């Protein structure tokens, strides 16, 4: 017997795959929370070292300054959340949001190579990584995997869902 909560859950999310629903909504929470935080001075200062040392994102700091770069990242993260939310109802937006999410985590994983302080010298250097920022960034590997799983599920033909 299906409860009303179960029916609502399956109507809103990926009809036959609750695991993908869990991944979707977890990613949405992350992107909403992190995206909103980018509009604070605290978060802008926190991400500044990652952006300033990144060959992919350095231009944001040069062009917009620390807070402006944080605003741009915040808009992108909130846009990713919006695409993921709409994607609960639309396969096209599901794929778009999952691709945006995957791109985000591919970029943040490059910070492992570009951000000073990731390699822990007292433990012999890379691959030994520091707690912050190294281990903090390593969690993005799981978030990338979740994004890719959601992307793959979004691209499946409708009959396989």
Protein backbone atom coordinates (compact mmCIF):
# COMPACT_ATOMS: atom_id res chain seq x y z
CA UNK A 1 0.00 0.00 0.00
CA UNK A 2 1.38 3.38 -1.01
CA UNK A 3 1.07 6.29 1.37
CA UNK A 4 0.21 9.81 0.30
CA UNK A 5 3.79 10.90 1.02
CA UNK A 6 5.15 8.15 -1.25
CA UNK A 7 2.79 9.17 -4.04
CA UNK A 8 3.82 12.82 -3.77
CA UNK A 9 7.49 11.88 -3.70
CA UNK A 10 7.26 9.79 -6.85
CA UNK A 11 5.19 12.38 -8.72
CA UNK A 12 7.67 15.15 -7.96
CA UNK A 13 10.89 13.24 -8.58
CA UNK A 14 12.17 10.55 -10.94
CA UNK A 15 9.07 8.41 -11.14
CA UNK A 16 10.65 4.99 -10.83
CA UNK A 17 14.04 5.63 -9.29
CA UNK A 18 14.04 7.01 -5.78
CA UNK A 19 17.83 6.79 -5.56
CA UNK A 20 18.09 9.37 -8.32
CA UNK A 21 15.52 11.49 -6.50
CA UNK A 22 17.68 11.44 -3.38
CA UNK A 23 20.72 12.50 -5.39
CA UNK A 24 18.76 15.27 -7.13
CA UNK A 25 17.36 16.79 -3.94
CA UNK A 26 20.68 16.48 -2.09
CA UNK A 27 22.39 18.36 -4.92
CA UNK A 28 19.62 20.97 -4.89
CA UNK A 29 20.13 21.62 -1.17
CA UNK A 30 23.88 21.95 -1.69
CA UNK A 31 23.55 24.35 -4.62
CA UNK A 32 20.88 26.47 -2.92
CA UNK A 33 22.85 26.73 0.30
CA UNK A 34 26.29 27.26 -1.23
CA UNK A 35 24.88 29.59 -3.91
CA UNK A 36 23.14 31.80 -1.37
CA UNK A 37 26.28 31.93 0.78
CA UNK A 38 28.26 33.37 -2.15
CA UNK A 39 26.43 36.67 -1.58
CA UNK A 40 28.14 37.13 1.82
CA UNK A 41 31.55 38.70 2.43
CA UNK A 42 32.46 35.70 4.60
CA UNK A 43 32.02 33.22 1.74
CA UNK A 44 33.65 35.52 -0.82
CA UNK A 45 36.77 35.66 1.35
CA UNK A 46 36.61 31.90 1.84
CA UNK A 47 36.58 31.06 -1.86
CA UNK A 48 39.01 33.80 -2.92
CA UNK A 49 42.16 31.61 -2.62
CA UNK A 50 40.57 28.89 -4.76
CA UNK A 51 39.53 31.33 -7.48
CA UNK A 52 42.73 33.38 -7.42
CA UNK A 53 44.95 30.32 -7.92
CA UNK A 54 42.75 28.56 -10.45
CA UNK A 55 43.84 28.74 -14.07
CA UNK A 56 40.18 28.17 -15.02
CA UNK A 57 38.56 30.77 -12.75
CA UNK A 58 41.27 33.38 -12.04
CA UNK A 59 39.76 35.73 -14.63
CA UNK A 60 36.67 36.18 -12.42
CA UNK A 61 38.74 37.81 -9.68
CA UNK A 62 40.63 39.96 -12.16
CA UNK A 63 37.45 41.14 -13.86
CA UNK A 64 35.03 41.45 -10.92
CA UNK A 65 37.13 41.50 -7.72
CA UNK A 66 36.69 39.10 -4.83
CA UNK A 67 33.05 39.86 -4.01
CA UNK A 68 32.04 40.18 -7.66
CA UNK A 69 33.60 36.80 -8.48
CA UNK A 70 31.68 35.32 -5.56
CA UNK A 71 28.46 36.84 -6.92
CA UNK A 72 29.07 35.26 -10.34
CA UNK A 73 29.70 31.86 -8.77
CA UNK A 74 26.59 32.32 -6.61
CA UNK A 75 24.42 33.07 -9.62
CA UNK A 76 25.79 30.00 -11.41
CA UNK A 77 25.17 27.78 -8.37
CA UNK A 78 21.62 29.09 -7.89
CA UNK A 79 20.99 28.59 -11.62
CA UNK A 80 22.19 25.01 -11.26
CA UNK A 81 19.77 24.51 -8.37
CA UNK A 82 16.93 25.97 -10.44
CA UNK A 83 17.70 23.68 -13.37
CA UNK A 84 17.80 20.68 -11.03
CA UNK A 85 14.45 21.66 -9.47
CA UNK A 86 12.79 22.11 -12.86
CA UNK A 87 14.52 18.88 -13.91
CA UNK A 88 12.35 16.96 -11.47
CA UNK A 89 9.59 17.58 -14.01
CA UNK A 90 11.53 17.92 -17.28
CA UNK A 91 14.15 15.51 -18.67
CA UNK A 92 15.80 18.36 -20.61
CA UNK A 93 16.29 20.47 -17.47
CA UNK A 94 17.28 17.36 -15.53
CA UNK A 95 20.13 16.77 -17.97
CA UNK A 96 21.03 20.48 -18.01
CA UNK A 97 21.12 20.74 -14.21
CA UNK A 98 23.10 17.53 -13.85
CA UNK A 99 25.60 18.67 -16.50
CA UNK A 100 25.98 22.05 -14.76
CA UNK A 101 26.48 20.24 -11.47
CA UNK A 102 29.08 17.91 -12.96
CA UNK A 103 30.95 20.85 -14.52
CA UNK A 104 31.00 22.60 -11.15
CA UNK A 105 32.62 19.63 -9.44
CA UNK A 106 35.10 19.00 -12.25
CA UNK A 107 36.25 22.60 -11.81
CA UNK A 108 36.40 22.42 -8.00
CA UNK A 109 38.41 19.19 -8.19
CA UNK A 110 41.04 21.06 -10.23
CA UNK A 111 41.56 23.19 -7.13
CA UNK A 112 43.33 20.13 -5.65
CA UNK A 113 46.12 20.85 -8.14
CA UNK A 114 46.11 24.64 -8.13
CA UNK A 115 45.41 25.76 -4.55
CA UNK A 116 48.37 26.25 -2.20
CA UNK A 117 48.15 24.24 1.00
CA UNK A 118 46.43 21.18 -0.47
CA UNK A 119 49.54 18.98 -0.28
CA UNK A 120 50.53 18.30 3.31
CA UNK A 121 54.30 18.80 3.50
CA UNK A 122 54.63 17.28 6.99
CA UNK A 123 53.15 14.02 5.66
CA UNK A 124 55.45 13.88 2.64
CA UNK A 125 53.55 16.12 0.24
CA UNK A 126 51.06 15.06 -2.41
CA UNK A 127 49.22 12.62 -2.39
CA UNK A 128 49.03 13.33 1.35
CA UNK A 129 46.48 16.14 1.56
CA UNK A 130 45.68 18.65 4.26
CA UNK A 131 42.38 18.63 6.15
CA UNK A 132 41.62 22.09 4.78
CA UNK A 133 41.59 22.70 1.90
CA UNK A 134 42.61 19.24 0.64
CA UNK A 135 40.11 16.93 2.31
CA UNK A 136 37.45 19.63 2.02
CA UNK A 137 37.87 19.52 -1.78
CA UNK A 138 38.09 15.72 -2.01
CA UNK A 139 34.39 15.39 -1.10
CA UNK A 140 33.62 16.89 -4.49
CA UNK A 141 34.61 13.56 -6.02
CA UNK A 142 31.44 12.03 -4.54
CA UNK A 143 29.37 15.02 -5.63
CA UNK A 144 30.76 14.66 -9.16
CA UNK A 145 29.78 10.97 -9.15
CA UNK A 146 26.25 11.88 -7.97
CA UNK A 147 26.00 14.49 -10.74
CA UNK A 148 27.14 12.02 -13.39
CA UNK A 149 24.69 9.36 -12.16
CA UNK A 150 21.85 11.87 -12.36
CA UNK A 151 23.02 12.99 -15.81
CA UNK A 152 23.08 9.39 -17.06
CA UNK A 153 19.59 8.78 -15.65
CA UNK A 154 18.36 11.99 -17.31
CA UNK A 155 19.62 10.88 -20.71
CA UNK A 156 18.01 7.42 -20.64
CA UNK A 157 15.11 6.90 -23.01
CA UNK A 158 11.74 7.43 -21.30
CA UNK A 159 10.81 3.73 -21.56
CA UNK A 160 13.75 2.80 -19.27
CA UNK A 161 12.72 5.13 -16.44
